[in-house]
ModelCIF file with pLDDT and N, C-alpha, C, O atoms, coordinates in Angstrom:
data_MODEL
#
_entry.id   MODEL 
#
_entity.id                         1 
_entity.type                       polymer 
_entity.pdbx_number_of_molecules   1 
#
_entity_poly.entity_id                      1 
_entity_poly.type                           'polypeptide(L)' 
_entity_poly.nstd_linkage                   no 
_entity_poly.nstd_monomer                   no 
_entity_poly.pdbx_seq_one_letter_code       
;(UNK)(UNK)(UNK)(UNK)(UNK)(UNK)(UNK)(UNK)(UNK)(UNK)(UNK)(UNK)(UNK)(UNK)(UNK)(UNK)
(UNK)(UNK)(UNK)(UNK)(UNK)(UNK)(UNK)(UNK)(UNK)(UNK)(UNK)(UNK)(UNK)(UNK)(UNK)(UNK)
(UNK)(UNK)(UNK)(UNK)(UNK)(UNK)(UNK)(UNK)(UNK)(UNK)(UNK)
;
_entity_poly.pdbx_seq_one_letter_code_can   XXXXXXXXXXXXXXXXXXXXXXXXXXXXXXXXXXXXXXXXXXX 
_entity_poly.pdbx_strand_id                 A 
#
loop_
_entity_poly_seq.entity_id 
_entity_poly_seq.num 
_entity_poly_seq.mon_id 
_entity_poly_seq.hetero 
1 1  UNK n 
1 2  UNK n 
1 3  UNK n 
1 4  UNK n 
1 5  UNK n 
1 6  UNK n 
1 7  UNK n 
1 8  UNK n 
1 9  UNK n 
1 10 UNK n 
1 11 UNK n 
1 12 UNK n 
1 13 UNK n 
1 14 UNK n 
1 15 UNK n 
1 16 UNK n 
1 17 UNK n 
1 18 UNK n 
1 19 UNK n 
1 20 UNK n 
1 21 UNK n 
1 22 UNK n 
1 23 UNK n 
1 24 UNK n 
1 25 UNK n 
1 26 UNK n 
1 27 UNK n 
1 28 UNK n 
1 29 UNK n 
1 30 UNK n 
1 31 UNK n 
1 32 UNK n 
1 33 UNK n 
1 34 UNK n 
1 35 UNK n 
1 36 UNK n 
1 37 UNK n 
1 38 UNK n 
1 39 UNK n 
1 40 UNK n 
1 41 UNK n 
1 42 UNK n 
1 43 UNK n 
#
_struct_asym.id          A 
_struct_asym.entity_id   1 
#
loop_
_ma_qa_metric.id 
_ma_qa_metric.mode 
_ma_qa_metric.name 
_ma_qa_metric.software_group_id 
_ma_qa_metric.type 
1 global pLDDT . pLDDT 
2 local  pLDDT . pLDDT 
#
_ma_qa_metric_global.metric_id      1 
_ma_qa_metric_global.metric_value   91.12 
_ma_qa_metric_global.model_id       1 
_ma_qa_metric_global.ordinal_id     1 
#
loop_
_ma_qa_metric_local.label_asym_id 
_ma_qa_metric_local.label_comp_id 
_ma_qa_metric_local.label_seq_id 
_ma_qa_metric_local.metric_id 
_ma_qa_metric_local.metric_value 
_ma_qa_metric_local.model_id 
_ma_qa_metric_local.ordinal_id 
A UNK 1  2 91.00 1 1  
A UNK 2  2 92.00 1 2  
A UNK 3  2 91.00 1 3  
A UNK 4  2 91.00 1 4  
A UNK 5  2 93.00 1 5  
A UNK 6  2 93.00 1 6  
A UNK 7  2 92.00 1 7  
A UNK 8  2 91.00 1 8  
A UNK 9  2 91.00 1 9  
A UNK 10 2 93.00 1 10 
A UNK 11 2 91.00 1 11 
A UNK 12 2 92.00 1 12 
A UNK 13 2 91.00 1 13 
A UNK 14 2 91.00 1 14 
A UNK 15 2 92.00 1 15 
A UNK 16 2 90.00 1 16 
A UNK 17 2 91.00 1 17 
A UNK 18 2 91.00 1 18 
A UNK 19 2 90.00 1 19 
A UNK 20 2 89.00 1 20 
A UNK 21 2 89.00 1 21 
A UNK 22 2 91.00 1 22 
A UNK 23 2 91.00 1 23 
A UNK 24 2 89.00 1 24 
A UNK 25 2 90.00 1 25 
A UNK 26 2 92.00 1 26 
A UNK 27 2 92.00 1 27 
A UNK 28 2 92.00 1 28 
A UNK 29 2 93.00 1 29 
A UNK 30 2 93.00 1 30 
A UNK 31 2 92.00 1 31 
A UNK 32 2 93.00 1 32 
A UNK 33 2 93.00 1 33 
A UNK 34 2 93.00 1 34 
A UNK 35 2 93.00 1 35 
A UNK 36 2 90.00 1 36 
A UNK 37 2 89.00 1 37 
A UNK 38 2 86.00 1 38 
A UNK 39 2 86.00 1 39 
A UNK 40 2 89.00 1 40 
A UNK 41 2 92.00 1 41 
A UNK 42 2 92.00 1 42 
A UNK 43 2 92.00 1 43 
#
loop_
_atom_site.group_PDB 
_atom_site.id 
_atom_site.type_symbol 
_atom_site.label_atom_id 
_atom_site.label_alt_id 
_atom_site.label_comp_id 
_atom_site.label_asym_id 
_atom_site.label_entity_id 
_atom_site.label_seq_id 
_atom_site.pdbx_PDB_ins_code 
_atom_site.Cartn_x 
_atom_site.Cartn_y 
_atom_site.Cartn_z 
_atom_site.occupancy 
_atom_site.B_iso_or_equiv 
_atom_site.pdbx_formal_charge 
_atom_site.auth_seq_id 
_atom_site.auth_comp_id 
_atom_site.auth_asym_id 
_atom_site.auth_atom_id 
_atom_site.pdbx_PDB_model_num 
ATOM 1   N N  . UNK A 1 1  ? -10.960 14.498 -2.165  1.00 91.00 ? 1  UNK A N  1 
ATOM 2   C CA . UNK A 1 1  ? -12.531 14.825 -2.455  1.00 91.00 ? 1  UNK A CA 1 
ATOM 3   C C  . UNK A 1 1  ? -12.864 14.276 -3.941  1.00 91.00 ? 1  UNK A C  1 
ATOM 4   O O  . UNK A 1 1  ? -12.153 14.565 -4.903  1.00 91.00 ? 1  UNK A O  1 
ATOM 5   N N  . UNK A 1 2  ? -13.953 13.498 -4.032  1.00 92.00 ? 2  UNK A N  1 
ATOM 6   C CA . UNK A 1 2  ? -14.001 12.570 -5.253  1.00 92.00 ? 2  UNK A CA 1 
ATOM 7   C C  . UNK A 1 2  ? -14.465 13.575 -6.256  1.00 92.00 ? 2  UNK A C  1 
ATOM 8   O O  . UNK A 1 2  ? -15.085 14.594 -5.953  1.00 92.00 ? 2  UNK A O  1 
ATOM 9   N N  . UNK A 1 3  ? -14.095 13.193 -7.596  1.00 91.00 ? 3  UNK A N  1 
ATOM 10  C CA . UNK A 1 3  ? -14.342 14.094 -8.951  1.00 91.00 ? 3  UNK A CA 1 
ATOM 11  C C  . UNK A 1 3  ? -15.866 13.288 -9.351  1.00 91.00 ? 3  UNK A C  1 
ATOM 12  O O  . UNK A 1 3  ? -16.663 12.502 -8.838  1.00 91.00 ? 3  UNK A O  1 
ATOM 13  N N  . UNK A 1 4  ? -15.684 14.002 -10.521 1.00 91.00 ? 4  UNK A N  1 
ATOM 14  C CA . UNK A 1 4  ? -17.004 13.713 -11.392 1.00 91.00 ? 4  UNK A CA 1 
ATOM 15  C C  . UNK A 1 4  ? -17.359 12.370 -11.794 1.00 91.00 ? 4  UNK A C  1 
ATOM 16  O O  . UNK A 1 4  ? -18.432 12.101 -12.336 1.00 91.00 ? 4  UNK A O  1 
ATOM 17  N N  . UNK A 1 5  ? -16.265 11.349 -11.473 1.00 93.00 ? 5  UNK A N  1 
ATOM 18  C CA . UNK A 1 5  ? -16.418 10.306 -11.860 1.00 93.00 ? 5  UNK A CA 1 
ATOM 19  C C  . UNK A 1 5  ? -17.559 9.156  -10.796 1.00 93.00 ? 5  UNK A C  1 
ATOM 20  O O  . UNK A 1 5  ? -18.163 8.144  -11.151 1.00 93.00 ? 5  UNK A O  1 
ATOM 21  N N  . UNK A 1 6  ? -17.505 9.808  -9.489  1.00 93.00 ? 6  UNK A N  1 
ATOM 22  C CA . UNK A 1 6  ? -18.198 9.111  -8.753  1.00 93.00 ? 6  UNK A CA 1 
ATOM 23  C C  . UNK A 1 6  ? -19.596 9.252  -8.587  1.00 93.00 ? 6  UNK A C  1 
ATOM 24  O O  . UNK A 1 6  ? -20.052 9.644  -7.513  1.00 93.00 ? 6  UNK A O  1 
ATOM 25  N N  . UNK A 1 7  ? -20.402 8.937  -9.660  1.00 92.00 ? 7  UNK A N  1 
ATOM 26  C CA . UNK A 1 7  ? -21.902 9.366  -9.958  1.00 92.00 ? 7  UNK A CA 1 
ATOM 27  C C  . UNK A 1 7  ? -22.085 7.659  -10.300 1.00 92.00 ? 7  UNK A C  1 
ATOM 28  O O  . UNK A 1 7  ? -21.167 6.852  -10.154 1.00 92.00 ? 7  UNK A O  1 
ATOM 29  N N  . UNK A 1 8  ? -23.388 7.328  -10.753 1.00 91.00 ? 8  UNK A N  1 
ATOM 30  C CA . UNK A 1 8  ? -23.800 6.243  -11.508 1.00 91.00 ? 8  UNK A CA 1 
ATOM 31  C C  . UNK A 1 8  ? -23.716 6.412  -13.117 1.00 91.00 ? 8  UNK A C  1 
ATOM 32  O O  . UNK A 1 8  ? -23.243 5.587  -13.899 1.00 91.00 ? 8  UNK A O  1 
ATOM 33  N N  . UNK A 1 9  ? -24.211 7.510  -13.392 1.00 91.00 ? 9  UNK A N  1 
ATOM 34  C CA . UNK A 1 9  ? -24.199 8.083  -14.699 1.00 91.00 ? 9  UNK A CA 1 
ATOM 35  C C  . UNK A 1 9  ? -23.571 9.311  -14.901 1.00 91.00 ? 9  UNK A C  1 
ATOM 36  O O  . UNK A 1 9  ? -24.133 10.323 -14.482 1.00 91.00 ? 9  UNK A O  1 
ATOM 37  N N  . UNK A 1 10 ? -22.086 9.422  -15.693 1.00 93.00 ? 10 UNK A N  1 
ATOM 38  C CA . UNK A 1 10 ? -21.407 10.191 -16.030 1.00 93.00 ? 10 UNK A CA 1 
ATOM 39  C C  . UNK A 1 10 ? -21.639 10.560 -17.389 1.00 93.00 ? 10 UNK A C  1 
ATOM 40  O O  . UNK A 1 10 ? -21.541 9.660  -18.224 1.00 93.00 ? 10 UNK A O  1 
ATOM 41  N N  . UNK A 1 11 ? -21.919 11.681 -17.759 1.00 91.00 ? 11 UNK A N  1 
ATOM 42  C CA . UNK A 1 11 ? -22.038 12.245 -19.119 1.00 91.00 ? 11 UNK A CA 1 
ATOM 43  C C  . UNK A 1 11 ? -21.000 13.173 -19.257 1.00 91.00 ? 11 UNK A C  1 
ATOM 44  O O  . UNK A 1 11 ? -20.743 14.102 -18.491 1.00 91.00 ? 11 UNK A O  1 
ATOM 45  N N  . UNK A 1 12 ? -20.310 12.797 -20.482 1.00 92.00 ? 12 UNK A N  1 
ATOM 46  C CA . UNK A 1 12 ? -19.104 13.572 -20.805 1.00 92.00 ? 12 UNK A CA 1 
ATOM 47  C C  . UNK A 1 12 ? -19.278 13.909 -21.991 1.00 92.00 ? 12 UNK A C  1 
ATOM 48  O O  . UNK A 1 12 ? -19.157 13.142 -22.946 1.00 92.00 ? 12 UNK A O  1 
ATOM 49  N N  . UNK A 1 13 ? -19.607 15.193 -22.062 1.00 91.00 ? 13 UNK A N  1 
ATOM 50  C CA . UNK A 1 13 ? -19.894 16.139 -23.403 1.00 91.00 ? 13 UNK A CA 1 
ATOM 51  C C  . UNK A 1 13 ? -18.543 16.523 -24.420 1.00 91.00 ? 13 UNK A C  1 
ATOM 52  O O  . UNK A 1 13 ? -17.662 17.272 -23.997 1.00 91.00 ? 13 UNK A O  1 
ATOM 53  N N  . UNK A 1 14 ? -18.505 16.137 -25.312 1.00 91.00 ? 14 UNK A N  1 
ATOM 54  C CA . UNK A 1 14 ? -17.414 16.662 -26.563 1.00 91.00 ? 14 UNK A CA 1 
ATOM 55  C C  . UNK A 1 14 ? -16.014 16.298 -25.601 1.00 91.00 ? 14 UNK A C  1 
ATOM 56  O O  . UNK A 1 14 ? -15.123 17.048 -25.202 1.00 91.00 ? 14 UNK A O  1 
ATOM 57  N N  . UNK A 1 15 ? -16.247 14.649 -25.388 1.00 92.00 ? 15 UNK A N  1 
ATOM 58  C CA . UNK A 1 15 ? -14.970 13.997 -25.197 1.00 92.00 ? 15 UNK A CA 1 
ATOM 59  C C  . UNK A 1 15 ? -13.837 14.334 -25.378 1.00 92.00 ? 15 UNK A C  1 
ATOM 60  O O  . UNK A 1 15 ? -12.924 14.309 -24.552 1.00 92.00 ? 15 UNK A O  1 
ATOM 61  N N  . UNK A 1 16 ? -13.779 14.884 -27.127 1.00 90.00 ? 16 UNK A N  1 
ATOM 62  C CA . UNK A 1 16 ? -12.439 14.830 -27.857 1.00 90.00 ? 16 UNK A CA 1 
ATOM 63  C C  . UNK A 1 16 ? -11.930 15.915 -27.564 1.00 90.00 ? 16 UNK A C  1 
ATOM 64  O O  . UNK A 1 16 ? -10.902 16.275 -28.138 1.00 90.00 ? 16 UNK A O  1 
ATOM 65  N N  . UNK A 1 17 ? -12.475 16.617 -26.695 1.00 91.00 ? 17 UNK A N  1 
ATOM 66  C CA . UNK A 1 17 ? -12.084 18.386 -26.806 1.00 91.00 ? 17 UNK A CA 1 
ATOM 67  C C  . UNK A 1 17 ? -10.900 18.424 -25.329 1.00 91.00 ? 17 UNK A C  1 
ATOM 68  O O  . UNK A 1 17 ? -10.250 19.410 -24.981 1.00 91.00 ? 17 UNK A O  1 
ATOM 69  N N  . UNK A 1 18 ? -10.896 17.019 -24.649 1.00 91.00 ? 18 UNK A N  1 
ATOM 70  C CA . UNK A 1 18 ? -9.972  17.323 -23.575 1.00 91.00 ? 18 UNK A CA 1 
ATOM 71  C C  . UNK A 1 18 ? -8.795  16.653 -24.247 1.00 91.00 ? 18 UNK A C  1 
ATOM 72  O O  . UNK A 1 18 ? -8.933  15.874 -25.189 1.00 91.00 ? 18 UNK A O  1 
ATOM 73  N N  . UNK A 1 19 ? -7.487  17.032 -23.656 1.00 90.00 ? 19 UNK A N  1 
ATOM 74  C CA . UNK A 1 19 ? -6.134  16.429 -23.939 1.00 90.00 ? 19 UNK A CA 1 
ATOM 75  C C  . UNK A 1 19 ? -6.131  14.895 -23.485 1.00 90.00 ? 19 UNK A C  1 
ATOM 76  O O  . UNK A 1 19 ? -6.792  14.389 -22.579 1.00 90.00 ? 19 UNK A O  1 
ATOM 77  N N  . UNK A 1 20 ? -5.340  14.369 -24.231 1.00 89.00 ? 20 UNK A N  1 
ATOM 78  C CA . UNK A 1 20 ? -5.143  12.935 -23.825 1.00 89.00 ? 20 UNK A CA 1 
ATOM 79  C C  . UNK A 1 20 ? -4.715  12.583 -22.678 1.00 89.00 ? 20 UNK A C  1 
ATOM 80  O O  . UNK A 1 20 ? -4.928  11.444 -22.261 1.00 89.00 ? 20 UNK A O  1 
ATOM 81  N N  . UNK A 1 21 ? -4.118  13.387 -22.053 1.00 89.00 ? 21 UNK A N  1 
ATOM 82  C CA . UNK A 1 21 ? -3.791  13.286 -20.560 1.00 89.00 ? 21 UNK A CA 1 
ATOM 83  C C  . UNK A 1 21 ? -4.935  13.180 -19.596 1.00 89.00 ? 21 UNK A C  1 
ATOM 84  O O  . UNK A 1 21 ? -5.035  12.286 -18.755 1.00 89.00 ? 21 UNK A O  1 
ATOM 85  N N  . UNK A 1 22 ? -5.820  14.189 -19.784 1.00 91.00 ? 22 UNK A N  1 
ATOM 86  C CA . UNK A 1 22 ? -7.445  14.142 -19.602 1.00 91.00 ? 22 UNK A CA 1 
ATOM 87  C C  . UNK A 1 22 ? -8.245  12.884 -19.675 1.00 91.00 ? 22 UNK A C  1 
ATOM 88  O O  . UNK A 1 22 ? -8.889  12.378 -18.756 1.00 91.00 ? 22 UNK A O  1 
ATOM 89  N N  . UNK A 1 23 ? -8.113  12.448 -20.907 1.00 91.00 ? 23 UNK A N  1 
ATOM 90  C CA . UNK A 1 23 ? -9.114  11.636 -21.311 1.00 91.00 ? 23 UNK A CA 1 
ATOM 91  C C  . UNK A 1 23 ? -8.359  10.097 -20.811 1.00 91.00 ? 23 UNK A C  1 
ATOM 92  O O  . UNK A 1 23 ? -9.192  9.264  -20.458 1.00 91.00 ? 23 UNK A O  1 
ATOM 93  N N  . UNK A 1 24 ? -7.199  9.732  -20.758 1.00 89.00 ? 24 UNK A N  1 
ATOM 94  C CA . UNK A 1 24 ? -6.588  8.687  -19.791 1.00 89.00 ? 24 UNK A CA 1 
ATOM 95  C C  . UNK A 1 24 ? -7.097  8.427  -18.508 1.00 89.00 ? 24 UNK A C  1 
ATOM 96  O O  . UNK A 1 24 ? -6.967  7.344  -17.938 1.00 89.00 ? 24 UNK A O  1 
ATOM 97  N N  . UNK A 1 25 ? -7.865  9.727  -17.897 1.00 90.00 ? 25 UNK A N  1 
ATOM 98  C CA . UNK A 1 25 ? -8.059  9.872  -16.308 1.00 90.00 ? 25 UNK A CA 1 
ATOM 99  C C  . UNK A 1 25 ? -9.564  8.648  -16.122 1.00 90.00 ? 25 UNK A C  1 
ATOM 100 O O  . UNK A 1 25 ? -9.973  8.136  -15.081 1.00 90.00 ? 25 UNK A O  1 
ATOM 101 N N  . UNK A 1 26 ? -10.151 8.466  -17.678 1.00 92.00 ? 26 UNK A N  1 
ATOM 102 C CA . UNK A 1 26 ? -11.087 7.597  -17.307 1.00 92.00 ? 26 UNK A CA 1 
ATOM 103 C C  . UNK A 1 26 ? -10.981 5.795  -17.850 1.00 92.00 ? 26 UNK A C  1 
ATOM 104 O O  . UNK A 1 26 ? -11.899 4.983  -17.968 1.00 92.00 ? 26 UNK A O  1 
ATOM 105 N N  . UNK A 1 27 ? -9.778  5.656  -18.049 1.00 92.00 ? 27 UNK A N  1 
ATOM 106 C CA . UNK A 1 27 ? -9.553  4.554  -18.215 1.00 92.00 ? 27 UNK A CA 1 
ATOM 107 C C  . UNK A 1 27 ? -9.491  3.456  -17.347 1.00 92.00 ? 27 UNK A C  1 
ATOM 108 O O  . UNK A 1 27 ? -9.554  2.314  -17.801 1.00 92.00 ? 27 UNK A O  1 
ATOM 109 N N  . UNK A 1 28 ? -9.369  3.687  -16.080 1.00 92.00 ? 28 UNK A N  1 
ATOM 110 C CA . UNK A 1 28 ? -9.421  3.040  -15.182 1.00 92.00 ? 28 UNK A CA 1 
ATOM 111 C C  . UNK A 1 28 ? -11.065 2.785  -14.740 1.00 92.00 ? 28 UNK A C  1 
ATOM 112 O O  . UNK A 1 28 ? -11.620 1.698  -14.579 1.00 92.00 ? 28 UNK A O  1 
ATOM 113 N N  . UNK A 1 29 ? -11.527 3.869  -14.628 1.00 93.00 ? 29 UNK A N  1 
ATOM 114 C CA . UNK A 1 29 ? -12.916 3.878  -13.995 1.00 93.00 ? 29 UNK A CA 1 
ATOM 115 C C  . UNK A 1 29 ? -13.817 3.021  -15.037 1.00 93.00 ? 29 UNK A C  1 
ATOM 116 O O  . UNK A 1 29 ? -14.773 2.383  -14.596 1.00 93.00 ? 29 UNK A O  1 
ATOM 117 N N  . UNK A 1 30 ? -13.436 3.005  -16.755 1.00 93.00 ? 30 UNK A N  1 
ATOM 118 C CA . UNK A 1 30 ? -14.495 2.417  -17.190 1.00 93.00 ? 30 UNK A CA 1 
ATOM 119 C C  . UNK A 1 30 ? -14.089 1.325  -17.482 1.00 93.00 ? 30 UNK A C  1 
ATOM 120 O O  . UNK A 1 30 ? -14.793 0.799  -18.344 1.00 93.00 ? 30 UNK A O  1 
ATOM 121 N N  . UNK A 1 31 ? -12.984 0.535  -17.043 1.00 92.00 ? 31 UNK A N  1 
ATOM 122 C CA . UNK A 1 31 ? -12.691 -0.798 -17.125 1.00 92.00 ? 31 UNK A CA 1 
ATOM 123 C C  . UNK A 1 31 ? -12.742 -1.675 -15.752 1.00 92.00 ? 31 UNK A C  1 
ATOM 124 O O  . UNK A 1 31 ? -13.130 -2.842 -15.802 1.00 92.00 ? 31 UNK A O  1 
ATOM 125 N N  . UNK A 1 32 ? -12.362 -1.112 -14.598 1.00 93.00 ? 32 UNK A N  1 
ATOM 126 C CA . UNK A 1 32 ? -12.489 -1.520 -13.728 1.00 93.00 ? 32 UNK A CA 1 
ATOM 127 C C  . UNK A 1 32 ? -13.251 -1.153 -12.310 1.00 93.00 ? 32 UNK A C  1 
ATOM 128 O O  . UNK A 1 32 ? -13.163 -1.566 -11.154 1.00 93.00 ? 32 UNK A O  1 
ATOM 129 N N  . UNK A 1 33 ? -14.123 -0.063 -13.065 1.00 93.00 ? 33 UNK A N  1 
ATOM 130 C CA . UNK A 1 33 ? -15.005 0.290  -11.907 1.00 93.00 ? 33 UNK A CA 1 
ATOM 131 C C  . UNK A 1 33 ? -14.377 0.762  -11.068 1.00 93.00 ? 33 UNK A C  1 
ATOM 132 O O  . UNK A 1 33 ? -15.055 0.637  -10.048 1.00 93.00 ? 33 UNK A O  1 
ATOM 133 N N  . UNK A 1 34 ? -13.002 1.498  -10.717 1.00 93.00 ? 34 UNK A N  1 
ATOM 134 C CA . UNK A 1 34 ? -12.263 1.648  -9.374  1.00 93.00 ? 34 UNK A CA 1 
ATOM 135 C C  . UNK A 1 34 ? -11.754 2.955  -9.788  1.00 93.00 ? 34 UNK A C  1 
ATOM 136 O O  . UNK A 1 34 ? -11.942 3.121  -10.993 1.00 93.00 ? 34 UNK A O  1 
ATOM 137 N N  . UNK A 1 35 ? -11.050 4.160  -9.090  1.00 93.00 ? 35 UNK A N  1 
ATOM 138 C CA . UNK A 1 35 ? -10.192 4.954  -9.289  1.00 93.00 ? 35 UNK A CA 1 
ATOM 139 C C  . UNK A 1 35 ? -9.171  4.741  -8.197  1.00 93.00 ? 35 UNK A C  1 
ATOM 140 O O  . UNK A 1 35 ? -9.422  4.265  -7.090  1.00 93.00 ? 35 UNK A O  1 
ATOM 141 N N  . UNK A 1 36 ? -7.817  5.207  -8.695  1.00 90.00 ? 36 UNK A N  1 
ATOM 142 C CA . UNK A 1 36 ? -7.026  5.244  -7.802  1.00 90.00 ? 36 UNK A CA 1 
ATOM 143 C C  . UNK A 1 36 ? -6.290  6.630  -7.931  1.00 90.00 ? 36 UNK A C  1 
ATOM 144 O O  . UNK A 1 36 ? -5.967  7.179  -8.984  1.00 90.00 ? 36 UNK A O  1 
ATOM 145 N N  . UNK A 1 37 ? -6.067  7.140  -6.493  1.00 89.00 ? 37 UNK A N  1 
ATOM 146 C CA . UNK A 1 37 ? -5.545  8.746  -6.389  1.00 89.00 ? 37 UNK A CA 1 
ATOM 147 C C  . UNK A 1 37 ? -4.719  8.496  -5.218  1.00 89.00 ? 37 UNK A C  1 
ATOM 148 O O  . UNK A 1 37 ? -5.124  7.876  -4.235  1.00 89.00 ? 37 UNK A O  1 
ATOM 149 N N  . UNK A 1 38 ? -3.404  9.054  -5.357  1.00 86.00 ? 38 UNK A N  1 
ATOM 150 C CA . UNK A 1 38 ? -2.110  8.732  -4.372  1.00 86.00 ? 38 UNK A CA 1 
ATOM 151 C C  . UNK A 1 38 ? -2.164  7.832  -3.699  1.00 86.00 ? 38 UNK A C  1 
ATOM 152 O O  . UNK A 1 38 ? -2.283  7.883  -2.475  1.00 86.00 ? 38 UNK A O  1 
ATOM 153 N N  . UNK A 1 39 ? -2.047  6.323  -4.717  1.00 86.00 ? 39 UNK A N  1 
ATOM 154 C CA . UNK A 1 39 ? -1.916  4.946  -4.280  1.00 86.00 ? 39 UNK A CA 1 
ATOM 155 C C  . UNK A 1 39 ? -3.211  4.546  -3.346  1.00 86.00 ? 39 UNK A C  1 
ATOM 156 O O  . UNK A 1 39 ? -3.104  3.525  -2.666  1.00 86.00 ? 39 UNK A O  1 
ATOM 157 N N  . UNK A 1 40 ? -4.304  5.229  -3.292  1.00 89.00 ? 40 UNK A N  1 
ATOM 158 C CA . UNK A 1 40 ? -5.203  4.662  -2.483  1.00 89.00 ? 40 UNK A CA 1 
ATOM 159 C C  . UNK A 1 40 ? -6.365  4.403  -3.748  1.00 89.00 ? 40 UNK A C  1 
ATOM 160 O O  . UNK A 1 40 ? -6.636  5.269  -4.580  1.00 89.00 ? 40 UNK A O  1 
ATOM 161 N N  . UNK A 1 41 ? -7.091  2.804  -3.705  1.00 92.00 ? 41 UNK A N  1 
ATOM 162 C CA . UNK A 1 41 ? -8.169  2.617  -4.628  1.00 92.00 ? 41 UNK A CA 1 
ATOM 163 C C  . UNK A 1 41 ? -9.657  3.093  -3.628  1.00 92.00 ? 41 UNK A C  1 
ATOM 164 O O  . UNK A 1 41 ? -9.821  3.005  -2.411  1.00 92.00 ? 41 UNK A O  1 
ATOM 165 N N  . UNK A 1 42 ? -10.657 3.645  -4.782  1.00 92.00 ? 42 UNK A N  1 
ATOM 166 C CA . UNK A 1 42 ? -11.822 3.879  -4.363  1.00 92.00 ? 42 UNK A CA 1 
ATOM 167 C C  . UNK A 1 42 ? -12.677 2.953  -5.591  1.00 92.00 ? 42 UNK A C  1 
ATOM 168 O O  . UNK A 1 42 ? -12.373 2.795  -6.773  1.00 92.00 ? 42 UNK A O  1 
ATOM 169 N N  . UNK A 1 43 ? -13.689 2.495  -4.923  1.00 92.00 ? 43 UNK A N  1 
ATOM 170 C CA . UNK A 1 43 ? -14.325 1.638  -5.802  1.00 92.00 ? 43 UNK A CA 1 
ATOM 171 C C  . UNK A 1 43 ? -15.855 2.450  -6.216  1.00 92.00 ? 43 UNK A C  1 
ATOM 172 O O  . UNK A 1 43 ? -16.646 1.917  -6.994  1.00 92.00 ? 43 UNK A O  1 
#
């Protein structure tokens, strides 16, 4: 079940209120334009 990053434009309000663990969820998608969940990569 895709999360919120599966969109053309993702608006993250008050990004620094989330924990570093949650912030790190954006690292792969921002740089590589992909998301890896349970060993499967989704473009």
